[in-house]
């Protein structure tokens, strides 16, 4: 029974890693081909955004929009 539960998880993990690797390689080739050496920098930035969780910008306490009322 343990084998039957682990098998789909391993297949899914392998497929996910494979597809992500193919996508990143494809984007790397396209960016370097179109932008030359600066494409590497663009690819690194794009890969980080794809793989790493986004951090929310810290907002100061208070309203999102400041409205100035006439006196």
Protein backbone atom coordinates (compact mmCIF):
# COMPACT_ATOMS: atom_id res chain seq x y z
CA UNK A 1 0.00 0.00 0.00
CA UNK A 2 2.83 2.41 0.76
CA UNK A 3 4.27 1.78 -2.69
CA UNK A 4 0.98 2.67 -4.36
CA UNK A 5 0.83 5.98 -2.48
CA UNK A 6 4.45 6.97 -3.09
CA UNK A 7 4.48 6.08 -6.78
CA UNK A 8 2.11 8.86 -7.99
CA UNK A 9 3.85 11.39 -5.77
CA UNK A 10 7.23 10.50 -7.25
CA UNK A 11 5.88 10.63 -10.79
CA UNK A 12 4.29 14.02 -10.14
CA UNK A 13 7.47 15.40 -8.55
CA UNK A 14 9.61 14.12 -11.42
CA UNK A 15 7.21 15.57 -14.03
CA UNK A 16 7.11 18.93 -12.25
CA UNK A 17 10.89 19.20 -12.00
CA UNK A 18 11.32 18.08 -15.61
CA UNK A 19 8.78 20.58 -16.99
CA UNK A 20 10.17 23.43 -14.91
CA UNK A 21 13.70 22.63 -16.07
CA UNK A 22 12.63 22.49 -19.72
CA UNK A 23 10.78 25.80 -19.38
CA UNK A 24 13.75 27.53 -17.75
CA UNK A 25 16.17 26.16 -20.34
CA UNK A 26 13.85 27.26 -23.17
CA UNK A 27 13.57 30.78 -21.71
CA UNK A 28 17.36 30.91 -21.22
CA UNK A 29 17.99 30.03 -24.86
CA UNK A 30 15.42 32.55 -26.12
CA UNK A 31 16.68 35.40 -23.93
CA UNK A 32 20.36 34.82 -24.74
CA UNK A 33 19.59 34.43 -28.43
CA UNK A 34 17.61 37.67 -28.61
CA UNK A 35 19.56 39.82 -26.12
CA UNK A 36 23.05 38.38 -26.10
CA UNK A 37 24.95 38.47 -22.85
CA UNK A 38 22.40 40.73 -21.15
CA UNK A 39 19.87 37.93 -21.66
CA UNK A 40 21.65 35.96 -18.93
CA UNK A 41 20.89 38.72 -16.42
CA UNK A 42 17.28 38.85 -17.56
CA UNK A 43 17.00 35.08 -17.26
CA UNK A 44 18.38 35.08 -13.70
CA UNK A 45 15.86 37.75 -12.70
CA UNK A 46 13.01 35.88 -14.36
CA UNK A 47 14.06 32.55 -12.82
CA UNK A 48 14.20 34.09 -9.34
CA UNK A 49 10.71 35.53 -9.76
CA UNK A 50 9.45 32.15 -10.93
CA UNK A 51 11.08 30.02 -8.24
CA UNK A 52 11.28 32.18 -5.12
CA UNK A 53 8.26 33.33 -3.13
CA UNK A 54 7.39 36.98 -3.45
CA UNK A 55 7.87 39.25 -0.50
CA UNK A 56 5.18 41.79 0.08
CA UNK A 57 6.36 45.34 0.31
CA UNK A 58 6.00 46.77 3.76
CA UNK A 59 3.37 49.45 3.87
CA UNK A 60 3.40 52.18 6.46
CA UNK A 61 0.53 52.14 8.90
CA UNK A 62 -2.27 54.35 7.73
CA UNK A 63 -4.50 54.83 4.72
CA UNK A 64 -3.37 53.68 1.29
CA UNK A 65 -4.26 57.01 -0.29
CA UNK A 66 -3.71 60.38 1.28
CA UNK A 67 -6.46 62.89 0.50
CA UNK A 68 -5.90 66.55 1.08
CA UNK A 69 -9.16 68.35 1.80
CA UNK A 70 -9.46 72.08 1.15
CA UNK A 71 -9.97 74.23 4.24
